[in-house]
Amino acid sequence: MNIEITCQSTGSISTLEDLHIIQDDLKDLTEGNYQKLKKSMLAKGFFAPFFVWKKDKANNLLDGTQRKLTLLKMKEEGIKIPDEYPIVLVNAENYQDAKERILAISSQYGKMTELGLNHFIEDIDISVDDLKEMFSFDSINLGDFREIDIDSGDLGASDFNDAETKDDEKNQKLCPHCGMII
């Protein structure tokens, strides 16, 4: 087993050892999510460059901490990983600005819904089991997720009716016949 780089560098590269973690314990990488990220990287390769703020010759990670930790653990497990990785340099005025950028990168401004996920995957060949094994979405419990036949109107009485959106505190209802949110 090995990991391949499946994105193109614009010229900037770094070793994992030269990428410094500055997010501290902002996020927790559970064993389950480590396994999902590992499986994803084995299947798709390393396809998103690290985002780095360069300060005094140090490559400070703004995005990619979980990928770095996963790659290091995979290396310990005997999986061959690349020596160098593509990076994107991100400007930050100072340490506080860099950490604020980490918060912005970590924010998910659009909320994924079960209906939206069903629409998104309806034209690709991916099973619910594959979703559960390779991905993690904060707003969707994949343990309860099931594919629906959107065109048939088979949404199920309990699946989407009375779906509450916590962010904007509105109650939305989904028409079981046409799928329109009202």
Protein backbone atom coordinates (compact mmCIF):
# COMPACT_ATOMS: atom_id res chain seq x y z
CA MET A 1 0.00 0.00 0.00
CA ASN A 2 1.11 3.52 -0.70
CA ILE A 3 -0.21 7.05 -0.93
CA GLU A 4 0.09 8.96 -4.20
CA ILE A 5 -0.01 12.71 -4.71
CA THR A 6 -3.09 13.35 -6.89
CA CYS A 7 -2.96 17.15 -7.11
CA GLN A 8 -0.49 19.46 -8.82
CA SER A 9 1.88 21.73 -7.00
CA THR A 10 2.22 25.34 -8.06
CA GLY A 11 5.86 25.14 -7.08
CA SER A 12 5.81 25.14 -3.28
CA ILE A 13 6.40 21.85 -1.49
CA SER A 14 7.22 20.73 2.05
CA THR A 15 8.05 17.64 4.02
CA LEU A 16 5.70 16.58 6.82
CA GLU A 17 8.45 17.24 9.35
CA ASP A 18 8.63 20.89 8.21
CA LEU A 19 4.88 21.46 8.70
CA HIS A 20 4.28 22.93 12.16
CA ILE A 21 0.90 22.39 13.84
CA ILE A 22 -0.43 25.61 15.38
CA GLN A 23 -4.09 24.65 15.90
CA ASP A 24 -3.23 22.84 19.14
CA ASP A 25 -6.22 20.74 20.24
CA LEU A 26 -8.86 22.71 18.31
CA LYS A 27 -10.00 19.48 16.65
CA ASP A 28 -9.93 15.88 17.80
CA LEU A 29 -9.13 13.07 15.36
CA THR A 30 -11.01 10.05 16.67
CA GLU A 31 -9.87 6.55 15.77
CA GLY A 32 -13.00 6.13 13.65
CA ASN A 33 -12.32 9.32 11.69
CA TYR A 34 -8.64 8.38 11.36
CA GLN A 35 -9.75 5.12 9.71
CA LYS A 36 -12.09 7.03 7.35
CA LEU A 37 -9.38 9.52 6.36
CA LYS A 38 -6.87 6.70 5.91
CA LYS A 39 -9.27 4.79 3.67
CA SER A 40 -10.01 7.94 1.68
CA MET A 41 -6.31 8.68 1.13
CA LEU A 42 -5.59 5.09 0.14
CA ALA A 43 -8.43 5.23 -2.40
CA LYS A 44 -8.04 8.79 -3.74
CA GLY A 45 -4.48 9.76 -2.82
CA PHE A 46 -3.37 13.07 -1.35
CA PHE A 47 -5.50 15.42 -3.44
CA ALA A 48 -5.72 18.68 -1.45
CA PRO A 49 -2.55 20.68 -0.72
CA PHE A 50 -1.67 21.85 2.76
CA PHE A 51 -2.46 25.53 3.48
CA VAL A 52 0.57 27.12 5.13
CA TRP A 53 1.44 30.47 6.72
CA LYS A 54 5.17 31.00 6.39
CA LYS A 55 6.62 32.93 9.34
CA ASP A 56 10.36 33.17 9.99
CA LYS A 57 11.01 30.26 7.60
CA ALA A 58 8.53 28.04 9.49
CA ASN A 59 5.68 26.36 7.58
CA ASN A 60 2.75 26.79 9.98
CA LEU A 61 -0.26 24.64 9.08
CA LEU A 62 -3.52 26.52 8.60
CA ASP A 63 -5.29 23.58 6.95
CA GLY A 64 -4.23 19.95 6.90
CA THR A 65 -3.45 19.07 10.50
CA GLN A 66 -5.61 15.92 10.49
CA ARG A 67 -4.08 14.86 7.15
CA LYS A 68 -0.57 15.34 8.54
CA LEU A 69 -1.37 13.33 11.69
CA THR A 70 -3.01 10.61 9.60
CA LEU A 71 -0.06 10.37 7.21
CA LEU A 72 2.41 10.11 10.11
CA LYS A 73 0.36 7.33 11.71
CA MET A 74 0.10 5.52 8.37
CA LYS A 75 3.89 5.74 8.04
CA GLU A 76 4.23 4.14 11.50
CA GLU A 77 1.95 1.35 10.25
CA GLY A 78 4.35 0.66 7.36
CA ILE A 79 2.38 2.39 4.60
CA LYS A 80 4.63 4.15 2.10
CA ILE A 81 3.96 7.88 2.02
CA PRO A 82 5.53 10.59 -0.19
CA ASP A 83 8.57 12.51 1.00
CA GLU A 84 7.20 15.91 -0.09
CA TYR A 85 3.73 17.47 -0.34
CA PRO A 86 2.27 20.41 -2.25
CA ILE A 87 1.51 23.48 -0.18
CA VAL A 88 -0.39 26.70 -0.78
CA LEU A 89 1.05 29.74 0.92
CA VAL A 90 -1.56 31.86 2.71
CA ASN A 91 -0.85 35.38 3.89
CA ALA A 92 -1.43 36.29 7.52
CA GLU A 93 -0.37 39.46 9.30
CA ASN A 94 0.60 37.76 12.56
CA TYR A 95 -0.07 34.76 14.81
CA GLN A 96 -3.55 35.97 15.81
CA ASP A 97 -4.50 36.54 12.17
CA ALA A 98 -3.21 33.06 11.29
CA LYS A 99 -5.33 31.47 14.03
CA GLU A 100 -8.39 33.46 12.92
CA ARG A 101 -7.81 32.07 9.42
CA ILE A 102 -7.76 28.55 10.88
CA LEU A 103 -11.17 29.27 12.42
CA ALA A 104 -12.46 30.55 9.06
CA ILE A 105 -11.11 27.49 7.23
CA SER A 106 -12.61 25.18 9.86
CA SER A 107 -16.03 26.82 9.65
CA GLN A 108 -18.72 25.17 7.57
CA TYR A 109 -20.95 27.98 6.39
CA GLY A 110 -23.20 25.84 4.21
CA LYS A 111 -25.16 23.18 6.06
CA MET A 112 -25.34 19.76 4.43
CA THR A 113 -28.73 18.07 4.64
CA GLU A 114 -29.75 14.47 4.06
CA LEU A 115 -31.88 15.54 1.12
CA GLY A 116 -28.99 17.55 -0.34
CA LEU A 117 -26.62 14.60 0.09
CA ASN A 118 -29.13 12.32 -1.64
CA HIS A 119 -29.37 14.76 -4.57
CA PHE A 120 -25.58 15.01 -4.72
CA ILE A 121 -24.95 11.25 -4.88
CA GLU A 122 -27.90 10.27 -7.07
CA ASP A 123 -25.82 10.30 -10.27
CA ILE A 124 -22.68 8.59 -8.95
CA ASP A 125 -22.00 5.00 -7.98
CA ILE A 126 -21.41 5.17 -4.23
CA SER A 127 -23.06 3.01 -1.62
CA VAL A 128 -24.30 4.11 1.77
CA ASP A 129 -21.71 1.74 3.25
CA ASP A 130 -18.95 3.57 1.33
CA LEU A 131 -20.25 6.89 2.66
CA LYS A 132 -20.16 5.55 6.21
CA GLU A 133 -16.66 4.09 5.82
CA MET A 134 -14.94 7.04 4.14
CA PHE A 135 -16.65 10.28 5.16
CA SER A 136 -17.73 12.27 8.19
CA PHE A 137 -20.22 15.15 8.11
CA ASP A 138 -21.03 17.08 11.28
CA SER A 139 -24.60 17.84 10.23
CA ILE A 140 -25.55 14.31 9.13
CA ASN A 141 -25.56 11.14 11.19
CA LEU A 142 -24.41 8.65 8.56
CA GLY A 143 -25.37 5.80 10.89
CA ASP A 144 -29.01 6.68 10.22
CA PHE A 145 -28.57 7.80 6.60
CA ARG A 146 -30.34 5.95 3.82
CA GLU A 147 -30.63 6.61 0.13
CA ILE A 148 -34.04 7.73 -1.02
CA ASP A 149 -35.70 7.65 -4.39
CA ILE A 150 -36.24 11.38 -4.78
CA ASP A 151 -38.14 11.08 -8.06
CA SER A 152 -40.69 8.63 -6.64
CA GLY A 153 -41.49 10.86 -3.68
CA ASP A 154 -40.54 8.01 -1.31
CA LEU A 155 -39.14 10.26 1.38
CA GLY A 156 -40.63 8.46 4.34
CA ALA A 157 -42.79 10.16 6.91
CA SER A 158 -40.09 10.49 9.55
CA ASP A 159 -37.12 11.21 7.30
CA PHE A 160 -37.55 14.86 6.46
CA ASN A 161 -40.83 16.14 7.88
CA ASP A 162 -40.40 18.69 10.63
CA ALA A 163 -36.66 19.04 9.96
CA GLU A 164 -35.47 21.82 12.23
CA THR A 165 -32.58 23.99 11.19
CA LYS A 166 -30.78 25.01 14.34
CA ASP A 167 -28.71 27.69 12.65
CA ASP A 168 -31.60 29.91 11.66
CA GLU A 169 -34.17 28.51 14.11
CA LYS A 170 -36.79 27.98 11.42
CA ASN A 171 -38.97 24.94 11.02
CA GLN A 172 -38.95 23.61 7.50
CA LYS A 173 -41.21 20.95 6.08
CA LEU A 174 -40.53 18.85 3.06
CA CYS A 175 -43.38 17.98 0.76
CA PRO A 176 -43.48 14.16 0.59
CA HIS A 177 -44.82 14.35 -2.98
CA CYS A 178 -42.54 16.81 -4.78
CA GLY A 179 -39.62 17.25 -2.37
CA MET A 180 -40.06 21.03 -2.15
CA ILE A 181 -39.05 22.61 1.16
CA ILE A 182 -41.89 24.78 2.51
